[in-house]
Amino acid sequence: MSKAGVEDIRKSICDIKLPLFLAYSDIRQRYRRSSLGPFWITISTGVMIVCIGIIFGNIYDSGVKEFIPYLAAGMIIWGFISSTINDSASVFINAENIIKQLPIPIYSHVIRLIAKNFYIFLHNFLIFPLVCLFVGRGFDLDLLFVFPGLILLILNLTWISLIVGIICTRYRDFPPIIASILQVAFYVTPILWMPSLLKLGRKFFYLELNPFFQLIQLVREPLLGRCPPMMAWMMGISLLFLGWILAIAIFNRYKSRIAYWL
């Protein structure tokens, strides 16, 4: 089997400064001449969290101290996941000129995409401490689990973005399908609502078998002062292992064809 994909990934990681710089340049170019830059996204996300928190908090009759931090953490993490996967549908298409003209490793464009969305995620993350300050919620040592959980989330998003990027480059009808899947996933995943609202018999399907929920748990639970459950770690690690095996197999086979599909 060809190892062109593995070699491309190796070169991309060795020269990781290039995609990181390009991601930073993408953000600067997008918000050029703007006084607040990416903080506009932070402001709009914060306003949405406040509005939804007040409305749904009253609907669910949930305490503000419990529900709004839960909602804020979920919305911020989901924003990172959904924007990354949505953007990955056009990651190679948008880089067509670079791929055809410059000898830059193709996987560098995936790293560039992840880094760009991670920069925006860090801006949005500033909302969470403000929410906790508003509701009078503190932090404890379980917060340290955020770092391994976030690393596991990012590593899973890298293989997902690679596979989605390859499929959507070959089949141009797939980006709307990806967007529709994410929209459905948003409503069936506990982000706007809390898992305690589900009946016991439905929790296994909506929670335990929901990969989005488990990946969100890895980061959200430490922010809420709880250690992520073992099921979340097992799901995250299993997805990482199996996903990268599939991604490498697909990338090894189709890496050389990406330029011809553009």
C-alpha atoms as a PDB file:
ATOM      1  CA  MET A   1       0.000   0.000   0.000  1.00  0.00           C
ATOM      2  CA  SER A   2       1.228   3.498  -0.807  1.00  0.00           C
ATOM      3  CA  LYS A   3       2.506   5.533   2.136  1.00  0.00           C
ATOM      4  CA  ALA A   4       2.217   8.893   0.378  1.00  0.00           C
ATOM      5  CA  GLY A   5      -0.393  10.065   2.849  1.00  0.00           C
ATOM      6  CA  VAL A   6       1.677   9.165   5.903  1.00  0.00           C
ATOM      7  CA  GLU A   7       4.689  10.989   4.460  1.00  0.00           C
ATOM      8  CA  ASP A   8       2.548  14.034   3.695  1.00  0.00           C
ATOM      9  CA  ILE A   9       1.302  14.108   7.306  1.00  0.00           C
ATOM     10  CA  ARG A  10       4.868  13.756   8.608  1.00  0.00           C
ATOM     11  CA  LYS A  11       6.083  16.693   6.505  1.00  0.00           C
ATOM     12  CA  SER A  12       3.127  18.810   7.582  1.00  0.00           C
ATOM     13  CA  ILE A  13       3.844  18.211  11.270  1.00  0.00           C
ATOM     14  CA  CYS A  14       7.574  18.857  10.839  1.00  0.00           C
ATOM     15  CA  ASP A  15       6.800  22.216   9.202  1.00  0.00           C
ATOM     16  CA  ILE A  16       3.829  23.047  11.425  1.00  0.00           C
ATOM     17  CA  LYS A  17       4.805  26.717  11.743  1.00  0.00           C
ATOM     18  CA  LEU A  18       3.621  27.334   8.170  1.00  0.00           C
ATOM     19  CA  PRO A  19      -0.049  26.254   8.610  1.00  0.00           C
ATOM     20  CA  LEU A  20      -0.181  27.983  12.002  1.00  0.00           C
ATOM     21  CA  PHE A  21       1.011  31.223  10.423  1.00  0.00           C
ATOM     22  CA  LEU A  22      -1.449  30.828   7.534  1.00  0.00           C
ATOM     23  CA  ALA A  23      -4.286  30.289  10.025  1.00  0.00           C
ATOM     24  CA  TYR A  24      -3.332  33.477  11.841  1.00  0.00           C
ATOM     25  CA  SER A  25      -3.196  35.297   8.504  1.00  0.00           C
ATOM     26  CA  ASP A  26      -6.664  33.973   7.592  1.00  0.00           C
ATOM     27  CA  ILE A  27      -8.128  35.534  10.734  1.00  0.00           C
ATOM     28  CA  ARG A  28      -6.332  38.843  10.201  1.00  0.00           C
ATOM     29  CA  GLN A  29      -7.494  38.954   6.580  1.00  0.00           C
ATOM     30  CA  ARG A  30     -11.080  38.097   7.502  1.00  0.00           C
ATOM     31  CA  TYR A  31     -11.308  40.864  10.087  1.00  0.00           C
ATOM     32  CA  ARG A  32      -9.139  43.438   8.364  1.00  0.00           C
ATOM     33  CA  ARG A  33     -10.210  47.035   9.146  1.00  0.00           C
ATOM     34  CA  SER A  34     -12.384  45.730  11.995  1.00  0.00           C
ATOM     35  CA  SER A  35     -11.733  47.244  15.423  1.00  0.00           C
ATOM     36  CA  LEU A  36     -12.843  44.182  17.391  1.00  0.00           C
ATOM     37  CA  GLY A  37     -11.780  41.501  14.897  1.00  0.00           C
ATOM     38  CA  PRO A  38     -12.782  37.942  15.935  1.00  0.00           C
ATOM     39  CA  PHE A  39     -14.248  39.327  19.154  1.00  0.00           C
ATOM     40  CA  TRP A  40     -17.373  40.076  17.087  1.00  0.00           C
ATOM     41  CA  ILE A  41     -17.978  36.314  17.088  1.00  0.00           C
ATOM     42  CA  THR A  42     -17.377  36.260  20.844  1.00  0.00           C
ATOM     43  CA  ILE A  43     -19.902  39.052  21.400  1.00  0.00           C
ATOM     44  CA  SER A  44     -22.575  37.413  19.230  1.00  0.00           C
ATOM     45  CA  THR A  45     -22.002  34.047  20.938  1.00  0.00           C
ATOM     46  CA  GLY A  46     -22.257  35.689  24.353  1.00  0.00           C
ATOM     47  CA  VAL A  47     -25.517  37.441  23.479  1.00  0.00           C
ATOM     48  CA  MET A  48     -26.962  34.190  22.137  1.00  0.00           C
ATOM     49  CA  ILE A  49     -25.973  32.300  25.304  1.00  0.00           C
ATOM     50  CA  VAL A  50     -27.610  34.925  27.531  1.00  0.00           C
ATOM     51  CA  CYS A  51     -30.859  34.954  25.513  1.00  0.00           C
ATOM     52  CA  ILE A  52     -31.122  31.171  25.219  1.00  0.00           C
ATOM     53  CA  GLY A  53     -30.112  30.742  28.856  1.00  0.00           C
ATOM     54  CA  ILE A  54     -32.899  32.998  30.102  1.00  0.00           C
ATOM     55  CA  ILE A  55     -35.578  31.491  27.834  1.00  0.00           C
ATOM     56  CA  PHE A  56     -34.694  27.806  28.170  1.00  0.00           C
ATOM     57  CA  GLY A  57     -33.824  28.192  31.834  1.00  0.00           C
ATOM     58  CA  ASN A  58     -37.397  29.269  32.481  1.00  0.00           C
ATOM     59  CA  ILE A  59     -38.837  26.588  30.200  1.00  0.00           C
ATOM     60  CA  TYR A  60     -36.901  23.802  31.912  1.00  0.00           C
ATOM     61  CA  ASP A  61     -37.279  25.422  35.341  1.00  0.00           C
ATOM     62  CA  SER A  62     -33.516  24.964  35.835  1.00  0.00           C
ATOM     63  CA  GLY A  63     -31.460  27.024  38.235  1.00  0.00           C
ATOM     64  CA  VAL A  64     -29.463  29.825  36.597  1.00  0.00           C
ATOM     65  CA  LYS A  65     -26.310  28.809  38.474  1.00  0.00           C
ATOM     66  CA  GLU A  66     -26.525  25.312  36.991  1.00  0.00           C
ATOM     67  CA  PHE A  67     -28.016  25.801  33.534  1.00  0.00           C
ATOM     68  CA  ILE A  68     -26.249  28.889  32.125  1.00  0.00           C
ATOM     69  CA  PRO A  69     -22.660  27.588  32.699  1.00  0.00           C
ATOM     70  CA  TYR A  70     -23.768  24.238  31.240  1.00  0.00           C
ATOM     71  CA  LEU A  71     -25.229  25.997  28.193  1.00  0.00           C
ATOM     72  CA  ALA A  72     -22.249  28.325  27.766  1.00  0.00           C
ATOM     73  CA  ALA A  73     -19.709  25.493  27.866  1.00  0.00           C
ATOM     74  CA  GLY A  74     -21.757  23.384  25.456  1.00  0.00           C
ATOM     75  CA  MET A  75     -22.338  26.199  22.966  1.00  0.00           C
ATOM     76  CA  ILE A  76     -18.663  27.215  22.917  1.00  0.00           C
ATOM     77  CA  ILE A  77     -17.396  23.649  22.439  1.00  0.00           C
ATOM     78  CA  TRP A  78     -20.081  22.845  19.855  1.00  0.00           C
ATOM     79  CA  GLY A  79     -19.195  26.008  17.955  1.00  0.00           C
ATOM     80  CA  PHE A  80     -15.624  24.738  17.667  1.00  0.00           C
ATOM     81  CA  ILE A  81     -16.717  21.264  16.544  1.00  0.00           C
ATOM     82  CA  SER A  82     -19.370  22.344  14.034  1.00  0.00           C
ATOM     83  CA  SER A  83     -17.363  25.170  12.448  1.00  0.00           C
ATOM     84  CA  THR A  84     -14.355  22.877  12.038  1.00  0.00           C
ATOM     85  CA  ILE A  85     -16.329  20.077  10.377  1.00  0.00           C
ATOM     86  CA  ASN A  86     -18.341  22.492   8.218  1.00  0.00           C
ATOM     87  CA  ASP A  87     -15.176  24.261   7.041  1.00  0.00           C
ATOM     88  CA  SER A  88     -13.445  20.946   6.348  1.00  0.00           C
ATOM     89  CA  ALA A  89     -15.968  20.293   3.571  1.00  0.00           C
ATOM     90  CA  SER A  90     -14.196  22.982   1.507  1.00  0.00           C
ATOM     91  CA  VAL A  91     -10.717  22.808   3.036  1.00  0.00           C
ATOM     92  CA  PHE A  92      -9.041  21.579  -0.176  1.00  0.00           C
ATOM     93  CA  ILE A  93     -11.407  23.376  -2.528  1.00  0.00           C
ATOM     94  CA  ASN A  94     -10.549  26.759  -0.977  1.00  0.00           C
ATOM     95  CA  ALA A  95      -6.847  25.933  -1.196  1.00  0.00           C
ATOM     96  CA  GLU A  96      -7.035  24.938  -4.885  1.00  0.00           C
ATOM     97  CA  ASN A  97      -4.540  27.564  -6.112  1.00  0.00           C
ATOM     98  CA  ILE A  98      -1.978  26.710  -3.439  1.00  0.00           C
ATOM     99  CA  ILE A  99      -2.304  22.951  -3.962  1.00  0.00           C
ATOM    100  CA  LYS A 100      -1.844  23.281  -7.729  1.00  0.00           C
ATOM    101  CA  GLN A 101       0.985  25.816  -7.659  1.00  0.00           C
ATOM    102  CA  LEU A 102       3.072  25.266  -4.505  1.00  0.00           C
ATOM    103  CA  PRO A 103       4.745  22.100  -3.133  1.00  0.00           C
ATOM    104  CA  ILE A 104       3.137  22.429   0.294  1.00  0.00           C
ATOM    105  CA  PRO A 105       2.013  19.179   1.988  1.00  0.00           C
ATOM    106  CA  ILE A 106      -1.727  18.766   1.513  1.00  0.00           C
ATOM    107  CA  TYR A 107      -2.335  17.890   5.156  1.00  0.00           C
ATOM    108  CA  SER A 108      -1.001  21.353   6.077  1.00  0.00           C
ATOM    109  CA  HIS A 109      -4.336  22.756   4.942  1.00  0.00           C
ATOM    110  CA  VAL A 110      -6.145  20.583   7.508  1.00  0.00           C
ATOM    111  CA  ILE A 111      -3.826  21.821  10.268  1.00  0.00           C
ATOM    112  CA  ARG A 112      -4.422  25.368   9.042  1.00  0.00           C
ATOM    113  CA  LEU A 113      -8.186  24.838   9.290  1.00  0.00           C
ATOM    114  CA  ILE A 114      -8.012  23.338  12.794  1.00  0.00           C
ATOM    115  CA  ALA A 115      -5.708  26.118  14.008  1.00  0.00           C
ATOM    116  CA  LYS A 116      -7.956  28.876  12.615  1.00  0.00           C
ATOM    117  CA  ASN A 117     -11.016  27.510  14.345  1.00  0.00           C
ATOM    118  CA  PHE A 118      -9.061  26.893  17.536  1.00  0.00           C
ATOM    119  CA  TYR A 119      -7.997  30.554  17.608  1.00  0.00           C
ATOM    120  CA  ILE A 120     -11.665  31.529  17.374  1.00  0.00           C
ATOM    121  CA  PHE A 121     -12.527  28.961  20.058  1.00  0.00           C
ATOM    122  CA  LEU A 122     -10.027  30.596  22.421  1.00  0.00           C
ATOM    123  CA  HIS A 123     -11.685  33.972  21.840  1.00  0.00           C
ATOM    124  CA  ASN A 124     -15.116  32.492  22.564  1.00  0.00           C
ATOM    125  CA  PHE A 125     -13.799  30.678  25.613  1.00  0.00           C
ATOM    126  CA  LEU A 126     -13.427  34.045  27.347  1.00  0.00           C
ATOM    127  CA  ILE A 127     -17.216  33.997  27.728  1.00  0.00           C
ATOM    128  CA  PHE A 128     -17.166  31.081  30.171  1.00  0.00           C
ATOM    129  CA  PRO A 129     -15.218  32.732  33.046  1.00  0.00           C
ATOM    130  CA  LEU A 130     -17.510  35.767  32.725  1.00  0.00           C
ATOM    131  CA  VAL A 131     -20.569  33.513  32.966  1.00  0.00           C
ATOM    132  CA  CYS A 132     -19.135  31.781  36.044  1.00  0.00           C
ATOM    133  CA  LEU A 133     -18.369  35.135  37.613  1.00  0.00           C
ATOM    134  CA  PHE A 134     -21.926  36.272  36.893  1.00  0.00           C
ATOM    135  CA  VAL A 135     -23.552  33.231  38.538  1.00  0.00           C
ATOM    136  CA  GLY A 136     -20.982  33.047  41.351  1.00  0.00           C
ATOM    137  CA  ARG A 137     -19.543  29.691  40.335  1.00  0.00           C
ATOM    138  CA  GLY A 138     -15.947  28.791  41.241  1.00  0.00           C
ATOM    139  CA  PHE A 139     -13.381  26.330  39.882  1.00  0.00           C
ATOM    140  CA  ASP A 140     -11.597  23.347  41.421  1.00  0.00           C
ATOM    141  CA  LEU A 141      -8.825  20.893  40.524  1.00  0.00           C
ATOM    142  CA  ASP A 142     -11.086  18.953  38.129  1.00  0.00           C
ATOM    143  CA  LEU A 143     -10.578  21.885  35.752  1.00  0.00           C
ATOM    144  CA  LEU A 144      -7.164  20.388  34.878  1.00  0.00           C
ATOM    145  CA  PHE A 145      -8.951  17.604  32.969  1.00  0.00           C
ATOM    146  CA  VAL A 146      -9.819  20.245  30.366  1.00  0.00           C
ATOM    147  CA  PHE A 147      -6.342  19.973  28.837  1.00  0.00           C
ATOM    148  CA  PRO A 148      -6.240  16.211  28.026  1.00  0.00           C
ATOM    149  CA  GLY A 149      -9.910  16.395  27.028  1.00  0.00           C
ATOM    150  CA  LEU A 150      -9.283  19.287  24.648  1.00  0.00           C
ATOM    151  CA  ILE A 151      -6.253  17.544  23.127  1.00  0.00           C
ATOM    152  CA  LEU A 152      -8.320  14.402  22.535  1.00  0.00           C
ATOM    153  CA  LEU A 153     -11.090  16.488  20.957  1.00  0.00           C
ATOM    154  CA  ILE A 154      -8.664  18.272  18.600  1.00  0.00           C
ATOM    155  CA  LEU A 155      -6.975  15.022  17.557  1.00  0.00           C
ATOM    156  CA  ASN A 156     -10.369  13.546  16.698  1.00  0.00           C
ATOM    157  CA  LEU A 157     -11.330  16.627  14.713  1.00  0.00           C
ATOM    158  CA  THR A 158      -8.136  16.307  12.638  1.00  0.00           C
ATOM    159  CA  TRP A 159      -9.014  12.889  11.229  1.00  0.00           C
ATOM    160  CA  ILE A 160     -12.666  13.840  10.781  1.00  0.00           C
ATOM    161  CA  SER A 161     -11.645  16.979   8.859  1.00  0.00           C
ATOM    162  CA  LEU A 162      -9.261  15.001   6.667  1.00  0.00           C
ATOM    163  CA  ILE A 163     -11.877  12.407   5.691  1.00  0.00           C
ATOM    164  CA  VAL A 164     -14.645  14.994   5.180  1.00  0.00           C
ATOM    165  CA  GLY A 165     -12.295  17.154   3.107  1.00  0.00           C
ATOM    166  CA  ILE A 166     -11.373  14.283   0.789  1.00  0.00           C
ATOM    167  CA  ILE A 167     -14.975  13.097   0.334  1.00  0.00           C
ATOM    168  CA  CYS A 168     -16.345  16.594  -0.290  1.00  0.00           C
ATOM    169  CA  THR A 169     -13.573  17.374  -2.774  1.00  0.00           C
ATOM    170  CA  ARG A 170     -14.497  14.297  -4.791  1.00  0.00           C
ATOM    171  CA  TYR A 171     -18.276  14.597  -4.405  1.00  0.00           C
ATOM    172  CA  ARG A 172     -19.418  18.243  -4.395  1.00  0.00           C
ATOM    173  CA  ASP A 173     -22.959  17.375  -3.258  1.00  0.00           C
ATOM    174  CA  PHE A 174     -21.725  16.309   0.173  1.00  0.00           C
ATOM    175  CA  PRO A 175     -21.146  19.718   1.897  1.00  0.00           C
ATOM    176  CA  PRO A 176     -24.911  20.393   2.297  1.00  0.00           C
ATOM    177  CA  ILE A 177     -25.332  16.856   3.613  1.00  0.00           C
ATOM    178  CA  ILE A 178     -22.595  17.439   6.204  1.00  0.00           C
ATOM    179  CA  ALA A 179     -24.274  20.702   7.264  1.00  0.00           C
ATOM    180  CA  SER A 180     -27.631  18.932   7.632  1.00  0.00           C
ATOM    181  CA  ILE A 181     -26.100  16.134   9.722  1.00  0.00           C
ATOM    182  CA  LEU A 182     -24.515  18.693  12.054  1.00  0.00           C
ATOM    183  CA  GLN A 183     -27.796  20.560  12.400  1.00  0.00           C
ATOM    184  CA  VAL A 184     -29.595  17.375  13.440  1.00  0.00           C
ATOM    185  CA  ALA A 185     -26.734  16.440  15.775  1.00  0.00           C
ATOM    186  CA  PHE A 186     -27.003  19.838  17.470  1.00  0.00           C
ATOM    187  CA  TYR A 187     -30.607  19.210  18.498  1.00  0.00           C
ATOM    188  CA  VAL A 188     -30.212  15.572  19.568  1.00  0.00           C
ATOM    189  CA  THR A 189     -27.066  16.314  21.605  1.00  0.00           C
ATOM    190  CA  PRO A 190     -27.523  17.790  25.109  1.00  0.00           C
ATOM    191  CA  ILE A 191     -26.404  21.363  24.454  1.00  0.00           C
ATOM    192  CA  LEU A 192     -29.615  23.393  24.710  1.00  0.00           C
ATOM    193  CA  TRP A 193     -31.076  20.833  27.101  1.00  0.00           C
ATOM    194  CA  MET A 194     -29.731  18.793  29.999  1.00  0.00           C
ATOM    195  CA  PRO A 195     -29.397  14.972  30.049  1.00  0.00           C
ATOM    196  CA  SER A 196     -31.530  14.780  33.189  1.00  0.00           C
ATOM    197  CA  LEU A 197     -34.579  15.669  31.058  1.00  0.00           C
ATOM    198  CA  LEU A 198     -34.382  12.345  29.208  1.00  0.00           C
ATOM    199  CA  LYS A 199     -36.259   9.281  30.335  1.00  0.00           C
ATOM    200  CA  LEU A 200     -34.012   6.476  31.526  1.00  0.00           C
ATOM    201  CA  GLY A 201     -34.715   4.190  28.562  1.00  0.00           C
ATOM    202  CA  ARG A 202     -33.676   6.820  26.006  1.00  0.00           C
ATOM    203  CA  LYS A 203     -30.419   7.891  27.612  1.00  0.00           C
ATOM    204  CA  PHE A 204     -28.414   5.026  26.132  1.00  0.00           C
ATOM    205  CA  PHE A 205     -29.271   6.004  22.546  1.00  0.00           C
ATOM    206  CA  TYR A 206     -29.089   9.792  22.886  1.00  0.00           C
ATOM    207  CA  LEU A 207     -26.112   9.918  25.260  1.00  0.00           C
ATOM    208  CA  GLU A 208     -23.972   6.798  25.430  1.00  0.00           C
ATOM    209  CA  LEU A 209     -23.970   6.156  21.663  1.00  0.00           C
ATOM    210  CA  ASN A 210     -23.719   9.828  20.684  1.00  0.00           C
ATOM    211  CA  PRO A 211     -20.053  10.555  19.769  1.00  0.00           C
ATOM    212  CA  PHE A 212     -20.640  14.317  19.775  1.00  0.00           C
ATOM    213  CA  PHE A 213     -21.974  14.173  23.321  1.00  0.00           C
ATOM    214  CA  GLN A 214     -19.042  12.104  24.536  1.00  0.00           C
ATOM    215  CA  LEU A 215     -16.463  14.402  22.933  1.00  0.00           C
ATOM    216  CA  ILE A 216     -18.178  17.462  24.398  1.00  0.00           C
ATOM    217  CA  GLN A 217     -18.205  15.767  27.812  1.00  0.00           C
ATOM    218  CA  LEU A 218     -14.398  15.567  27.765  1.00  0.00           C
ATOM    219  CA  VAL A 219     -14.152  19.359  27.911  1.00  0.00           C
ATOM    220  CA  ARG A 220     -17.463  20.479  29.411  1.00  0.00           C
ATOM    221  CA  GLU A 221     -17.440  18.298  32.523  1.00  0.00           C
ATOM    222  CA  PRO A 222     -14.121  19.674  33.896  1.00  0.00           C
ATOM    223  CA  LEU A 223     -15.377  23.216  33.276  1.00  0.00           C
ATOM    224  CA  LEU A 224     -18.414  22.390  35.419  1.00  0.00           C
ATOM    225  CA  GLY A 225     -16.260  20.989  38.212  1.00  0.00           C
ATOM    226  CA  ARG A 226     -16.689  17.312  37.410  1.00  0.00           C
ATOM    227  CA  CYS A 227     -14.329  14.626  36.130  1.00  0.00           C
ATOM    228  CA  PRO A 228     -15.350  13.325  32.662  1.00  0.00           C
ATOM    229  CA  PRO A 229     -16.981   9.885  32.901  1.00  0.00           C
ATOM    230  CA  MET A 230     -15.030   6.810  31.858  1.00  0.00           C
ATOM    231  CA  MET A 231     -17.395   6.269  28.909  1.00  0.00           C
ATOM    232  CA  ALA A 232     -16.348   9.624  27.446  1.00  0.00           C
ATOM    233  CA  TRP A 233     -12.645   8.726  27.675  1.00  0.00           C
ATOM    234  CA  MET A 234     -13.247   5.292  26.156  1.00  0.00           C
ATOM    235  CA  MET A 235     -15.312   6.732  23.310  1.00  0.00           C
ATOM    236  CA  GLY A 236     -12.798   9.506  22.629  1.00  0.00           C
ATOM    237  CA  ILE A 237      -9.793   7.173  22.559  1.00  0.00           C
ATOM    238  CA  SER A 238     -11.612   4.520  20.495  1.00  0.00           C
ATOM    239  CA  LEU A 239     -12.714   7.107  17.937  1.00  0.00           C
ATOM    240  CA  LEU A 240      -9.183   8.472  17.774  1.00  0.00           C
ATOM    241  CA  PHE A 241      -7.623   5.068  17.164  1.00  0.00           C
ATOM    242  CA  LEU A 242     -10.173   3.729  14.671  1.00  0.00           C
ATOM    243  CA  GLY A 243     -10.677   7.088  12.961  1.00  0.00           C
ATOM    244  CA  TRP A 244      -7.000   7.624  12.262  1.00  0.00           C
ATOM    245  CA  ILE A 245      -6.627   4.107  10.863  1.00  0.00           C
ATOM    246  CA  LEU A 246      -9.452   4.858   8.425  1.00  0.00           C
ATOM    247  CA  ALA A 247      -8.177   8.369   7.644  1.00  0.00           C
ATOM    248  CA  ILE A 248      -4.637   7.185   6.883  1.00  0.00           C
ATOM    249  CA  ALA A 249      -5.943   4.377   4.659  1.00  0.00           C
ATOM    250  CA  ILE A 250      -8.104   6.838   2.688  1.00  0.00           C
ATOM    251  CA  PHE A 251      -5.382   9.503   2.513  1.00  0.00           C
ATOM    252  CA  ASN A 252      -2.739   7.013   1.348  1.00  0.00           C
ATOM    253  CA  ARG A 253      -5.014   5.913  -1.481  1.00  0.00           C
ATOM    254  CA  TYR A 254      -6.442   9.232  -2.659  1.00  0.00           C
ATOM    255  CA  LYS A 255      -3.817  11.818  -1.733  1.00  0.00           C
ATOM    256  CA  SER A 256      -2.418  11.950  -5.270  1.00  0.00           C
ATOM    257  CA  ARG A 257      -5.897  12.436  -6.781  1.00  0.00           C
ATOM    258  CA  ILE A 258      -6.961  15.463  -4.740  1.00  0.00           C
ATOM    259  CA  ALA A 259      -5.280  17.942  -7.094  1.00  0.00           C
ATOM    260  CA  TYR A 260      -7.081  16.386 -10.086  1.00  0.00           C
ATOM    261  CA  TRP A 261     -10.465  16.623  -8.374  1.00  0.00           C
ATOM    262  CA  LEU A 262     -10.109  20.379  -7.863  1.00  0.00           C
END
